[in-house]
Amino acid sequence: QVQLVESGGGLVQAGGSLRLSCAASGSITSFTYMGWYRQAPGKQRELVAEINRGGSTNYANSVKGRFTISRDNAKITVYLQMNSLKPEGTAVYYCNMVGGGFGRSYWGRGTQVTVSS
């Protein structure tokens, strides 16, 4: 069994910063892929940022230059530093990890980020 637990969400004013963390625990200790997604009310879940085991990253165009994804393999944790937040960034943010022998995908329960204007 694998559990992903996100933390670091909250309410912030536009232009502010937040740092999200997602820690994995359980039977799998190595993940090839880690990513952050978000889902705003009435919208589909979308990719925010992703990072592979080697450290290569990819970002949604809407967050490039403002968000930074990083990972600590020893702690089995992925981070998302979010700067210059905008009201349209209000959403539930979910972390996703892929790993194990069968390459299964795991999701956290999400953390709410609210950006006030």
PDB file of N, CA and C in Angstrom:
ATOM      1  N   GLN A   1       0.836  -1.188   0.000  1.00  0.00           N
ATOM      2  CA  GLN A   1       0.000   0.000   0.000  1.00  0.00           C
ATOM      3  C   GLN A   1       0.875   1.244   0.000  1.00  0.00           C
ATOM      4  N   VAL A   2       0.482   2.214  -0.818  1.00  0.00           N
ATOM      5  CA  VAL A   2       1.225   3.470  -0.914  1.00  0.00           C
ATOM      6  C   VAL A   2       0.287   4.617  -0.587  1.00  0.00           C
ATOM      7  N   GLN A   3       0.766   5.541   0.198  1.00  0.00           N
ATOM      8  CA  GLN A   3      -0.002   6.756   0.503  1.00  0.00           C
ATOM      9  C   GLN A   3       0.807   7.986   0.138  1.00  0.00           C
ATOM     10  N   LEU A   4       0.144   8.934  -0.501  1.00  0.00           N
ATOM     11  CA  LEU A   4       0.740  10.235  -0.796  1.00  0.00           C
ATOM     12  C   LEU A   4      -0.012  11.279   0.013  1.00  0.00           C
ATOM     13  N   VAL A   5       0.724  12.100   0.724  1.00  0.00           N
ATOM     14  CA  VAL A   5       0.089  13.122   1.553  1.00  0.00           C
ATOM     15  C   VAL A   5       0.645  14.488   1.180  1.00  0.00           C
ATOM     16  N   GLU A   6      -0.251  15.346   0.684  1.00  0.00           N
ATOM     17  CA  GLU A   6       0.133  16.710   0.327  1.00  0.00           C
ATOM     18  C   GLU A   6      -0.016  17.645   1.527  1.00  0.00           C
ATOM     19  N   SER A   7       0.780  18.686   1.531  1.00  0.00           N
ATOM     20  CA  SER A   7       0.675  19.719   2.550  1.00  0.00           C
ATOM     21  C   SER A   7       1.168  21.033   1.968  1.00  0.00           C
ATOM     22  N   GLY A   8       0.849  22.115   2.664  1.00  0.00           N
ATOM     23  CA  GLY A   8       1.355  23.415   2.260  1.00  0.00           C
ATOM     24  C   GLY A   8       0.358  24.322   1.572  1.00  0.00           C
ATOM     25  N   GLY A   9      -0.841  23.816   1.313  1.00  0.00           N
ATOM     26  CA  GLY A   9      -1.848  24.674   0.698  1.00  0.00           C
ATOM     27  C   GLY A   9      -2.372  25.704   1.677  1.00  0.00           C
ATOM     28  N   GLY A  10      -3.190  26.613   1.155  1.00  0.00           N
ATOM     29  CA  GLY A  10      -3.770  27.635   2.011  1.00  0.00           C
ATOM     30  C   GLY A  10      -4.280  28.807   1.216  1.00  0.00           C
ATOM     31  N   LEU A  11      -4.539  29.885   1.929  1.00  0.00           N
ATOM     32  CA  LEU A  11      -5.042  31.124   1.336  1.00  0.00           C
ATOM     33  C   LEU A  11      -3.895  32.122   1.239  1.00  0.00           C
ATOM     34  N   VAL A  12      -3.735  32.706   0.066  1.00  0.00           N
ATOM     35  CA  VAL A  12      -2.662  33.669  -0.143  1.00  0.00           C
ATOM     36  C   VAL A  12      -3.162  34.770  -1.073  1.00  0.00           C
ATOM     37  N   GLN A  13      -2.627  35.952  -0.910  1.00  0.00           N
ATOM     38  CA  GLN A  13      -2.998  37.057  -1.797  1.00  0.00           C
ATOM     39  C   GLN A  13      -2.267  36.927  -3.129  1.00  0.00           C
ATOM     40  N   ALA A  14      -2.863  37.489  -4.144  1.00  0.00           N
ATOM     41  CA  ALA A  14      -2.214  37.508  -5.446  1.00  0.00           C
ATOM     42  C   ALA A  14      -0.826  38.126  -5.325  1.00  0.00           C
ATOM     43  N   GLY A  15       0.135  37.481  -5.988  1.00  0.00           N
ATOM     44  CA  GLY A  15       1.516  37.915  -5.900  1.00  0.00           C
ATOM     45  C   GLY A  15       2.319  37.207  -4.827  1.00  0.00           C
ATOM     46  N   GLY A  16       1.621  36.483  -3.973  1.00  0.00           N
ATOM     47  CA  GLY A  16       2.282  35.779  -2.891  1.00  0.00           C
ATOM     48  C   GLY A  16       2.848  34.437  -3.311  1.00  0.00           C
ATOM     49  N   SER A  17       3.375  33.714  -2.322  1.00  0.00           N
ATOM     50  CA  SER A  17       4.035  32.432  -2.587  1.00  0.00           C
ATOM     51  C   SER A  17       3.531  31.359  -1.635  1.00  0.00           C
ATOM     52  N   LEU A  18       3.582  30.145  -2.119  1.00  0.00           N
ATOM     53  CA  LEU A  18       3.321  28.965  -1.302  1.00  0.00           C
ATOM     54  C   LEU A  18       4.266  27.853  -1.743  1.00  0.00           C
ATOM     55  N   ARG A  19       4.559  26.954  -0.817  1.00  0.00           N
ATOM     56  CA  ARG A  19       5.361  25.788  -1.163  1.00  0.00           C
ATOM     57  C   ARG A  19       4.589  24.539  -0.775  1.00  0.00           C
ATOM     58  N   LEU A  20       4.272  23.741  -1.770  1.00  0.00           N
ATOM     59  CA  LEU A  20       3.574  22.487  -1.542  1.00  0.00           C
ATOM     60  C   LEU A  20       4.572  21.347  -1.398  1.00  0.00           C
ATOM     61  N   SER A  21       4.220  20.395  -0.547  1.00  0.00           N
ATOM     62  CA  SER A  21       5.025  19.187  -0.385  1.00  0.00           C
ATOM     63  C   SER A  21       4.125  17.973  -0.525  1.00  0.00           C
ATOM     64  N   CYS A  22       4.689  16.899  -1.017  1.00  0.00           N
ATOM     65  CA  CYS A  22       3.951  15.640  -1.115  1.00  0.00           C
ATOM     66  C   CYS A  22       4.906  14.520  -0.750  1.00  0.00           C
ATOM     67  N   ALA A  23       4.604  13.836   0.335  1.00  0.00           N
ATOM     68  CA  ALA A  23       5.461  12.759   0.821  1.00  0.00           C
ATOM     69  C   ALA A  23       4.777  11.412   0.620  1.00  0.00           C
ATOM     70  N   ALA A  24       5.563  10.458   0.155  1.00  0.00           N
ATOM     71  CA  ALA A  24       5.048   9.110  -0.067  1.00  0.00           C
ATOM     72  C   ALA A  24       5.488   8.186   1.057  1.00  0.00           C
ATOM     73  N   SER A  25       4.613   7.281   1.404  1.00  0.00           N
ATOM     74  CA  SER A  25       4.959   6.244   2.382  1.00  0.00           C
ATOM     75  C   SER A  25       4.330   4.938   1.944  1.00  0.00           C
ATOM     76  N   GLY A  26       4.921   3.837   2.400  1.00  0.00           N
ATOM     77  CA  GLY A  26       4.355   2.548   2.052  1.00  0.00           C
ATOM     78  C   GLY A  26       5.373   1.599   1.459  1.00  0.00           C
ATOM     79  N   SER A  27       4.876   0.710   0.634  1.00  0.00           N
ATOM     80  CA  SER A  27       5.679  -0.407   0.149  1.00  0.00           C
ATOM     81  C   SER A  27       6.598  -0.070  -1.018  1.00  0.00           C
ATOM     82  N   ILE A  28       6.402   1.065  -1.655  1.00  0.00           N
ATOM     83  CA  ILE A  28       7.240   1.454  -2.785  1.00  0.00           C
ATOM     84  C   ILE A  28       8.113   2.632  -2.368  1.00  0.00           C
ATOM     85  N   THR A  29       9.405   2.525  -2.612  1.00  0.00           N
ATOM     86  CA  THR A  29      10.316   3.578  -2.176  1.00  0.00           C
ATOM     87  C   THR A  29      11.025   4.243  -3.345  1.00  0.00           C
ATOM     88  N   SER A  30      10.694   3.852  -4.563  1.00  0.00           N
ATOM     89  CA  SER A  30      11.338   4.446  -5.724  1.00  0.00           C
ATOM     90  C   SER A  30      10.283   4.765  -6.780  1.00  0.00           C
ATOM     91  N   PHE A  31      10.222   6.023  -7.165  1.00  0.00           N
ATOM     92  CA  PHE A  31       9.235   6.475  -8.144  1.00  0.00           C
ATOM     93  C   PHE A  31       9.956   7.108  -9.328  1.00  0.00           C
ATOM     94  N   THR A  32       9.615   6.653 -10.520  1.00  0.00           N
ATOM     95  CA  THR A  32      10.261   7.193 -11.710  1.00  0.00           C
ATOM     96  C   THR A  32       9.703   8.564 -12.082  1.00  0.00           C
ATOM     97  N   TYR A  33       8.461   8.798 -11.718  1.00  0.00           N
ATOM     98  CA  TYR A  33       7.781  10.021 -12.138  1.00  0.00           C
ATOM     99  C   TYR A  33       7.075  10.647 -10.941  1.00  0.00           C
ATOM    100  N   MET A  34       7.194  11.963 -10.839  1.00  0.00           N
ATOM    101  CA  MET A  34       6.452  12.725  -9.832  1.00  0.00           C
ATOM    102  C   MET A  34       5.879  13.961 -10.506  1.00  0.00           C
ATOM    103  N   GLY A  35       4.660  14.285 -10.182  1.00  0.00           N
ATOM    104  CA  GLY A  35       4.051  15.444 -10.811  1.00  0.00           C
ATOM    105  C   GLY A  35       3.037  16.121  -9.918  1.00  0.00           C
ATOM    106  N   TRP A  36       2.738  17.355 -10.277  1.00  0.00           N
ATOM    107  CA  TRP A  36       1.686  18.119  -9.611  1.00  0.00           C
ATOM    108  C   TRP A  36       0.613  18.458 -10.644  1.00  0.00           C
ATOM    109  N   TYR A  37      -0.619  18.267 -10.257  1.00  0.00           N
ATOM    110  CA  TYR A  37      -1.766  18.596 -11.088  1.00  0.00           C
ATOM    111  C   TYR A  37      -2.694  19.477 -10.274  1.00  0.00           C
ATOM    112  N   ARG A  38      -3.612  20.138 -10.962  1.00  0.00           N
ATOM    113  CA  ARG A  38      -4.589  20.938 -10.237  1.00  0.00           C
ATOM    114  C   ARG A  38      -5.939  20.847 -10.925  1.00  0.00           C
ATOM    115  N   GLN A  39      -6.960  21.049 -10.121  1.00  0.00           N
ATOM    116  CA  GLN A  39      -8.323  21.037 -10.646  1.00  0.00           C
ATOM    117  C   GLN A  39      -9.107  22.171 -10.025  1.00  0.00           C
ATOM    118  N   ALA A  40      -9.504  23.107 -10.867  1.00  0.00           N
ATOM    119  CA  ALA A  40     -10.338  24.217 -10.430  1.00  0.00           C
ATOM    120  C   ALA A  40     -11.807  23.820 -10.533  1.00  0.00           C
ATOM    121  N   PRO A  41     -12.688  24.493  -9.786  1.00  0.00           N
ATOM    122  CA  PRO A  41     -14.117  24.156  -9.841  1.00  0.00           C
ATOM    123  C   PRO A  41     -14.656  24.208 -11.265  1.00  0.00           C
ATOM    124  N   GLY A  42     -15.325  23.152 -11.671  1.00  0.00           N
ATOM    125  CA  GLY A  42     -15.930  23.112 -12.992  1.00  0.00           C
ATOM    126  C   GLY A  42     -14.974  22.845 -14.132  1.00  0.00           C
ATOM    127  N   LYS A  43     -13.718  22.566 -13.804  1.00  0.00           N
ATOM    128  CA  LYS A  43     -12.732  22.331 -14.860  1.00  0.00           C
ATOM    129  C   LYS A  43     -12.098  20.953 -14.698  1.00  0.00           C
ATOM    130  N   GLN A  44     -11.445  20.518 -15.759  1.00  0.00           N
ATOM    131  CA  GLN A  44     -10.757  19.233 -15.711  1.00  0.00           C
ATOM    132  C   GLN A  44      -9.420  19.368 -14.988  1.00  0.00           C
ATOM    133  N   ARG A  45      -8.955  18.267 -14.464  1.00  0.00           N
ATOM    134  CA  ARG A  45      -7.639  18.253 -13.840  1.00  0.00           C
ATOM    135  C   ARG A  45      -6.582  18.477 -14.916  1.00  0.00           C
ATOM    136  N   GLU A  46      -5.596  19.314 -14.595  1.00  0.00           N
ATOM    137  CA  GLU A  46      -4.561  19.629 -15.572  1.00  0.00           C
ATOM    138  C   GLU A  46      -3.181  19.516 -14.950  1.00  0.00           C
ATOM    139  N   LEU A  47      -2.206  19.220 -15.805  1.00  0.00           N
ATOM    140  CA  LEU A  47      -0.828  19.138 -15.372  1.00  0.00           C
ATOM    141  C   LEU A  47      -0.307  20.530 -15.039  1.00  0.00           C
ATOM    142  N   VAL A  48       0.379  20.632 -13.912  1.00  0.00           N
ATOM    143  CA  VAL A  48       1.051  21.872 -13.538  1.00  0.00           C
ATOM    144  C   VAL A  48       2.552  21.752 -13.800  1.00  0.00           C
ATOM    145  N   ALA A  49       3.156  20.693 -13.249  1.00  0.00           N
ATOM    146  CA  ALA A  49       4.590  20.487 -13.408  1.00  0.00           C
ATOM    147  C   ALA A  49       4.907  19.023 -13.152  1.00  0.00           C
ATOM    148  N   GLU A  50       5.983  18.543 -13.767  1.00  0.00           N
ATOM    149  CA  GLU A  50       6.381  17.157 -13.589  1.00  0.00           C
ATOM    150  C   GLU A  50       7.888  17.047 -13.617  1.00  0.00           C
ATOM    151  N   ILE A  51       8.383  15.987 -12.970  1.00  0.00           N
ATOM    152  CA  ILE A  51       9.822  15.782 -12.879  1.00  0.00           C
ATOM    153  C   ILE A  51      10.095  14.277 -12.896  1.00  0.00           C
ATOM    154  N   ASN A  52      11.098  13.877 -13.679  1.00  0.00           N
ATOM    155  CA  ASN A  52      11.410  12.460 -13.710  1.00  0.00           C
ATOM    156  C   ASN A  52      12.553  12.153 -12.747  1.00  0.00           C
ATOM    157  N   ARG A  53      12.936  10.901 -12.693  1.00  0.00           N
ATOM    158  CA  ARG A  53      13.920  10.482 -11.706  1.00  0.00           C
ATOM    159  C   ARG A  53      15.264  11.166 -11.925  1.00  0.00           C
ATOM    160  N   GLY A  54      15.556  11.466 -13.180  1.00  0.00           N
ATOM    161  CA  GLY A  54      16.821  12.120 -13.483  1.00  0.00           C
ATOM    162  C   GLY A  54      16.825  13.612 -13.242  1.00  0.00           C
ATOM    163  N   GLY A  55      15.652  14.158 -12.923  1.00  0.00           N
ATOM    164  CA  GLY A  55      15.589  15.578 -12.632  1.00  0.00           C
ATOM    165  C   GLY A  55      15.090  16.452 -13.771  1.00  0.00           C
ATOM    166  N   SER A  56      14.764  15.851 -14.908  1.00  0.00           N
ATOM    167  CA  SER A  56      14.221  16.647 -16.013  1.00  0.00           C
ATOM    168  C   SER A  56      12.809  17.096 -15.661  1.00  0.00           C
ATOM    169  N   THR A  57      12.513  18.341 -15.994  1.00  0.00           N
ATOM    170  CA  THR A  57      11.227  18.928 -15.604  1.00  0.00           C
ATOM    171  C   THR A  57      10.433  19.410 -16.811  1.00  0.00           C
ATOM    172  N   ASN A  58       9.136  19.552 -16.586  1.00  0.00           N
ATOM    173  CA  ASN A  58       8.244  20.086 -17.605  1.00  0.00           C
ATOM    174  C   ASN A  58       7.170  20.884 -16.885  1.00  0.00           C
ATOM    175  N   TYR A  59       6.796  22.025 -17.453  1.00  0.00           N
ATOM    176  CA  TYR A  59       5.816  22.902 -16.814  1.00  0.00           C
ATOM    177  C   TYR A  59       4.697  23.274 -17.782  1.00  0.00           C
ATOM    178  N   ALA A  60       3.533  23.494 -17.226  1.00  0.00           N
ATOM    179  CA  ALA A  60       2.457  24.090 -18.013  1.00  0.00           C
ATOM    180  C   ALA A  60       2.877  25.502 -18.384  1.00  0.00           C
ATOM    181  N   ASN A  61       2.484  25.946 -19.562  1.00  0.00           N
ATOM    182  CA  ASN A  61       2.871  27.288 -20.012  1.00  0.00           C
ATOM    183  C   ASN A  61       2.408  28.366 -19.031  1.00  0.00           C
ATOM    184  N   SER A  62       1.283  28.140 -18.395  1.00  0.00           N
ATOM    185  CA  SER A  62       0.704  29.149 -17.515  1.00  0.00           C
ATOM    186  C   SER A  62       1.518  29.375 -16.241  1.00  0.00           C
ATOM    187  N   VAL A  63       2.423  28.447 -15.910  1.00  0.00           N
ATOM    188  CA  VAL A  63       3.190  28.595 -14.665  1.00  0.00           C
ATOM    189  C   VAL A  63       4.691  28.725 -14.899  1.00  0.00           C
ATOM    190  N   LYS A  64       5.119  28.635 -16.133  1.00  0.00           N
ATOM    191  CA  LYS A  64       6.554  28.727 -16.431  1.00  0.00           C
ATOM    192  C   LYS A  64       7.125  30.037 -15.923  1.00  0.00           C
ATOM    193  N   GLY A  65       8.266  29.939 -15.270  1.00  0.00           N
ATOM    194  CA  GLY A  65       8.929  31.115 -14.746  1.00  0.00           C
ATOM    195  C   GLY A  65       8.464  31.525 -13.362  1.00  0.00           C
ATOM    196  N   ARG A  66       7.360  30.917 -12.898  1.00  0.00           N
ATOM    197  CA  ARG A  66       6.834  31.266 -11.571  1.00  0.00           C
ATOM    198  C   ARG A  66       6.858  30.074 -10.609  1.00  0.00           C
ATOM    199  N   PHE A  67       6.676  28.870 -11.134  1.00  0.00           N
ATOM    200  CA  PHE A  67       6.642  27.664 -10.298  1.00  0.00           C
ATOM    201  C   PHE A  67       7.907  26.851 -10.527  1.00  0.00           C
ATOM    202  N   THR A  68       8.347  26.170  -9.477  1.00  0.00           N
ATOM    203  CA  THR A  68       9.495  25.278  -9.578  1.00  0.00           C
ATOM    204  C   THR A  68       9.188  23.952  -8.891  1.00  0.00           C
ATOM    205  N   ILE A  69       9.361  22.879  -9.624  1.00  0.00           N
ATOM    206  CA  ILE A  69       9.167  21.546  -9.052  1.00  0.00           C
ATOM    207  C   ILE A  69      10.533  20.955  -8.722  1.00  0.00           C
ATOM    208  N   SER A  70      10.596  20.242  -7.607  1.00  0.00           N
ATOM    209  CA  SER A  70      11.830  19.563  -7.213  1.00  0.00           C
ATOM    210  C   SER A  70      11.466  18.295  -6.451  1.00  0.00           C
ATOM    211  N   ARG A  71      12.431  17.429  -6.302  1.00  0.00           N
ATOM    212  CA  ARG A  71      12.176  16.166  -5.611  1.00  0.00           C
ATOM    213  C   ARG A  71      13.364  15.788  -4.752  1.00  0.00           C
ATOM    214  N   ASP A  72      13.072  15.081  -3.678  1.00  0.00           N
ATOM    215  CA  ASP A  72      14.093  14.540  -2.800  1.00  0.00           C
ATOM    216  C   ASP A  72      13.866  13.037  -2.773  1.00  0.00           C
ATOM    217  N   ASN A  73      14.677  12.303  -3.515  1.00  0.00           N
ATOM    218  CA  ASN A  73      14.458  10.861  -3.629  1.00  0.00           C
ATOM    219  C   ASN A  73      14.664  10.144  -2.299  1.00  0.00           C
ATOM    220  N   ALA A  74      15.576  10.632  -1.495  1.00  0.00           N
ATOM    221  CA  ALA A  74      15.841   9.993  -0.206  1.00  0.00           C
ATOM    222  C   ALA A  74      14.623  10.120   0.717  1.00  0.00           C
ATOM    223  N   LYS A  75      13.939  11.256   0.622  1.00  0.00           N
ATOM    224  CA  LYS A  75      12.754  11.484   1.456  1.00  0.00           C
ATOM    225  C   LYS A  75      11.467  11.068   0.748  1.00  0.00           C
ATOM    226  N   ILE A  76      11.573  10.654  -0.499  1.00  0.00           N
ATOM    227  CA  ILE A  76      10.430  10.279  -1.335  1.00  0.00           C
ATOM    228  C   ILE A  76       9.390  11.393  -1.290  1.00  0.00           C
ATOM    229  N   THR A  77       9.846  12.579  -1.586  1.00  0.00           N
ATOM    230  CA  THR A  77       9.013  13.783  -1.488  1.00  0.00           C
ATOM    231  C   THR A  77       9.196  14.629  -2.737  1.00  0.00           C
ATOM    232  N   VAL A  78       8.102  15.210  -3.188  1.00  0.00           N
ATOM    233  CA  VAL A  78       8.141  16.152  -4.299  1.00  0.00           C
ATOM    234  C   VAL A  78       7.596  17.485  -3.799  1.00  0.00           C
ATOM    235  N   TYR A  79       8.200  18.562  -4.286  1.00  0.00           N
ATOM    236  CA  TYR A  79       7.841  19.909  -3.846  1.00  0.00           C
ATOM    237  C   TYR A  79       7.376  20.742  -5.046  1.00  0.00           C
ATOM    238  N   LEU A  80       6.592  21.743  -4.753  1.00  0.00           N
ATOM    239  CA  LEU A  80       6.200  22.713  -5.763  1.00  0.00           C
ATOM    240  C   LEU A  80       6.277  24.100  -5.127  1.00  0.00           C
ATOM    241  N   GLN A  81       7.290  24.843  -5.521  1.00  0.00           N
ATOM    242  CA  GLN A  81       7.414  26.227  -5.076  1.00  0.00           C
ATOM    243  C   GLN A  81       6.625  27.097  -6.034  1.00  0.00           C
ATOM    244  N   MET A  82       5.658  27.812  -5.511  1.00  0.00           N
ATOM    245  CA  MET A  82       4.776  28.638  -6.336  1.00  0.00           C
ATOM    246  C   MET A  82       4.963  30.094  -5.953  1.00  0.00           C
ATOM    247  N   ASN A  83       5.461  30.876  -6.883  1.00  0.00           N
ATOM    248  CA  ASN A  83       5.671  32.306  -6.671  1.00  0.00           C
ATOM    249  C   ASN A  83       4.761  33.109  -7.591  1.00  0.00           C
ATOM    250  N   SER A  84       4.589  34.365  -7.251  1.00  0.00           N
ATOM    251  CA  SER A  84       3.763  35.271  -8.060  1.00  0.00           C
ATOM    252  C   SER A  84       2.409  34.634  -8.390  1.00  0.00           C
ATOM    253  N   LEU A  85       1.764  34.137  -7.370  1.00  0.00           N
ATOM    254  CA  LEU A  85       0.495  33.437  -7.566  1.00  0.00           C
ATOM    255  C   LEU A  85      -0.576  34.385  -8.096  1.00  0.00           C
ATOM    256  N   LYS A  86      -1.436  33.813  -8.939  1.00  0.00           N
ATOM    257  CA  LYS A  86      -2.531  34.563  -9.542  1.00  0.00           C
ATOM    258  C   LYS A  86      -3.866  33.965  -9.107  1.00  0.00           C
ATOM    259  N   PRO A  87      -4.931  34.759  -9.113  1.00  0.00           N
ATOM    260  CA  PRO A  87      -6.251  34.217  -8.713  1.00  0.00           C
ATOM    261  C   PRO A  87      -6.675  32.995  -9.527  1.00  0.00           C
ATOM    262  N   GLU A  88      -6.266  32.935 -10.786  1.00  0.00           N
ATOM    263  CA  GLU A  88      -6.633  31.771 -11.609  1.00  0.00           C
ATOM    264  C   GLU A  88      -5.889  30.514 -11.188  1.00  0.00           C
ATOM    265  N   GLY A  89      -4.979  30.635 -10.262  1.00  0.00           N
ATOM    266  CA  GLY A  89      -4.300  29.479  -9.710  1.00  0.00           C
ATOM    267  C   GLY A  89      -5.077  28.808  -8.588  1.00  0.00           C
ATOM    268  N   THR A  90      -6.232  29.369  -8.242  1.00  0.00           N
ATOM    269  CA  THR A  90      -7.074  28.771  -7.213  1.00  0.00           C
ATOM    270  C   THR A  90      -7.581  27.414  -7.681  1.00  0.00           C
ATOM    271  N   ALA A  91      -7.276  26.384  -6.907  1.00  0.00           N
ATOM    272  CA  ALA A  91      -7.631  25.013  -7.301  1.00  0.00           C
ATOM    273  C   ALA A  91      -7.234  24.066  -6.185  1.00  0.00           C
ATOM    274  N   VAL A  92      -7.651  22.831  -6.332  1.00  0.00           N
ATOM    275  CA  VAL A  92      -7.113  21.759  -5.491  1.00  0.00           C
ATOM    276  C   VAL A  92      -5.901  21.196  -6.222  1.00  0.00           C
ATOM    277  N   TYR A  93      -4.789  21.135  -5.536  1.00  0.00           N
ATOM    278  CA  TYR A  93      -3.555  20.646  -6.124  1.00  0.00           C
ATOM    279  C   TYR A  93      -3.302  19.210  -5.649  1.00  0.00           C
ATOM    280  N   TYR A  94      -3.038  18.353  -6.622  1.00  0.00           N
ATOM    281  CA  TYR A  94      -2.809  16.939  -6.352  1.00  0.00           C
ATOM    282  C   TYR A  94      -1.404  16.530  -6.775  1.00  0.00           C
ATOM    283  N   CYS A  95      -0.792  15.661  -5.997  1.00  0.00           N
ATOM    284  CA  CYS A  95       0.462  15.102  -6.461  1.00  0.00           C
ATOM    285  C   CYS A  95       0.216  13.699  -7.003  1.00  0.00           C
ATOM    286  N   ASN A  96       1.054  13.314  -7.919  1.00  0.00           N
ATOM    287  CA  ASN A  96       0.979  12.026  -8.586  1.00  0.00           C
ATOM    288  C   ASN A  96       2.371  11.426  -8.661  1.00  0.00           C
ATOM    289  N   MET A  97       2.458  10.160  -8.376  1.00  0.00           N
ATOM    290  CA  MET A  97       3.738   9.463  -8.487  1.00  0.00           C
ATOM    291  C   MET A  97       3.520   8.132  -9.193  1.00  0.00           C
ATOM    292  N   VAL A  98       4.495   7.777 -10.004  1.00  0.00           N
ATOM    293  CA  VAL A  98       4.457   6.507 -10.721  1.00  0.00           C
ATOM    294  C   VAL A  98       5.698   5.724 -10.337  1.00  0.00           C
ATOM    295  N   GLY A  99       5.497   4.485  -9.921  1.00  0.00           N
ATOM    296  CA  GLY A  99       6.648   3.691  -9.528  1.00  0.00           C
ATOM    297  C   GLY A  99       6.310   2.246  -9.267  1.00  0.00           C
ATOM    298  N   GLY A 100       7.285   1.538  -8.736  1.00  0.00           N
ATOM    299  CA  GLY A 100       7.095   0.119  -8.482  1.00  0.00           C
ATOM    300  C   GLY A 100       7.328  -0.697  -9.736  1.00  0.00           C
ATOM    301  N   GLY A 101       7.373  -2.007  -9.563  1.00  0.00           N
ATOM    302  CA  GLY A 101       7.674  -2.891 -10.679  1.00  0.00           C
ATOM    303  C   GLY A 101       6.685  -2.813 -11.823  1.00  0.00           C
ATOM    304  N   PHE A 102       5.448  -2.494 -11.538  1.00  0.00           N
ATOM    305  CA  PHE A 102       4.411  -2.434 -12.566  1.00  0.00           C
ATOM    306  C   PHE A 102       4.105  -1.017 -13.024  1.00  0.00           C
ATOM    307  N   GLY A 103       4.837  -0.058 -12.503  1.00  0.00           N
ATOM    308  CA  GLY A 103       4.619   1.317 -12.921  1.00  0.00           C
ATOM    309  C   GLY A 103       3.235   1.843 -12.593  1.00  0.00           C
ATOM    310  N   ARG A 104       2.770   1.532 -11.417  1.00  0.00           N
ATOM    311  CA  ARG A 104       1.438   1.991 -11.026  1.00  0.00           C
ATOM    312  C   ARG A 104       1.455   3.484 -10.711  1.00  0.00           C
ATOM    313  N   SER A 105       0.288   4.090 -10.892  1.00  0.00           N
ATOM    314  CA  SER A 105       0.124   5.519 -10.636  1.00  0.00           C
ATOM    315  C   SER A 105      -0.611   5.709  -9.321  1.00  0.00           C
ATOM    316  N   TYR A 106      -0.097   6.612  -8.504  1.00  0.00           N
ATOM    317  CA  TYR A 106      -0.691   6.896  -7.204  1.00  0.00           C
ATOM    318  C   TYR A 106      -1.000   8.385  -7.103  1.00  0.00           C
ATOM    319  N   TRP A 107      -2.107   8.693  -6.437  1.00  0.00           N
ATOM    320  CA  TRP A 107      -2.544  10.077  -6.259  1.00  0.00           C
ATOM    321  C   TRP A 107      -2.732  10.393  -4.791  1.00  0.00           C
ATOM    322  N   GLY A 108      -2.403  11.640  -4.446  1.00  0.00           N
ATOM    323  CA  GLY A 108      -2.744  12.131  -3.137  1.00  0.00           C
ATOM    324  C   GLY A 108      -4.185  12.617  -3.111  1.00  0.00           C
ATOM    325  N   ARG A 109      -4.651  13.033  -1.944  1.00  0.00           N
ATOM    326  CA  ARG A 109      -6.039  13.488  -1.806  1.00  0.00           C
ATOM    327  C   ARG A 109      -6.208  14.951  -2.176  1.00  0.00           C
ATOM    328  N   GLY A 110      -5.109  15.664  -2.304  1.00  0.00           N
ATOM    329  CA  GLY A 110      -5.185  17.055  -2.729  1.00  0.00           C
ATOM    330  C   GLY A 110      -5.080  18.037  -1.586  1.00  0.00           C
ATOM    331  N   THR A 111      -4.615  19.229  -1.927  1.00  0.00           N
ATOM    332  CA  THR A 111      -4.546  20.328  -0.975  1.00  0.00           C
ATOM    333  C   THR A 111      -5.076  21.589  -1.647  1.00  0.00           C
ATOM    334  N   GLN A 112      -5.910  22.315  -0.938  1.00  0.00           N
ATOM    335  CA  GLN A 112      -6.576  23.486  -1.519  1.00  0.00           C
ATOM    336  C   GLN A 112      -5.627  24.687  -1.531  1.00  0.00           C
ATOM    337  N   VAL A 113      -5.542  25.329  -2.668  1.00  0.00           N
ATOM    338  CA  VAL A 113      -4.825  26.597  -2.799  1.00  0.00           C
ATOM    339  C   VAL A 113      -5.830  27.644  -3.255  1.00  0.00           C
ATOM    340  N   THR A 114      -5.941  28.711  -2.493  1.00  0.00           N
ATOM    341  CA  THR A 114      -6.858  29.795  -2.837  1.00  0.00           C
ATOM    342  C   THR A 114      -6.064  31.084  -2.923  1.00  0.00           C
ATOM    343  N   VAL A 115      -6.155  31.737  -4.066  1.00  0.00           N
ATOM    344  CA  VAL A 115      -5.438  32.983  -4.301  1.00  0.00           C
ATOM    345  C   VAL A 115      -6.453  34.108  -4.413  1.00  0.00           C
ATOM    346  N   SER A 116      -6.399  35.030  -3.488  1.00  0.00           N
ATOM    347  CA  SER A 116      -7.351  36.142  -3.484  1.00  0.00           C
ATOM    348  C   SER A 116      -6.798  37.316  -4.280  1.00  0.00           C
ATOM    349  N   SER A 117      -7.694  38.043  -4.900  1.00  0.00           N
ATOM    350  CA  SER A 117      -7.269  39.190  -5.731  1.00  0.00           C
ATOM    351  C   SER A 117      -7.236  40.478  -4.929  1.00  0.00           C
TER     352      SER A 117
END
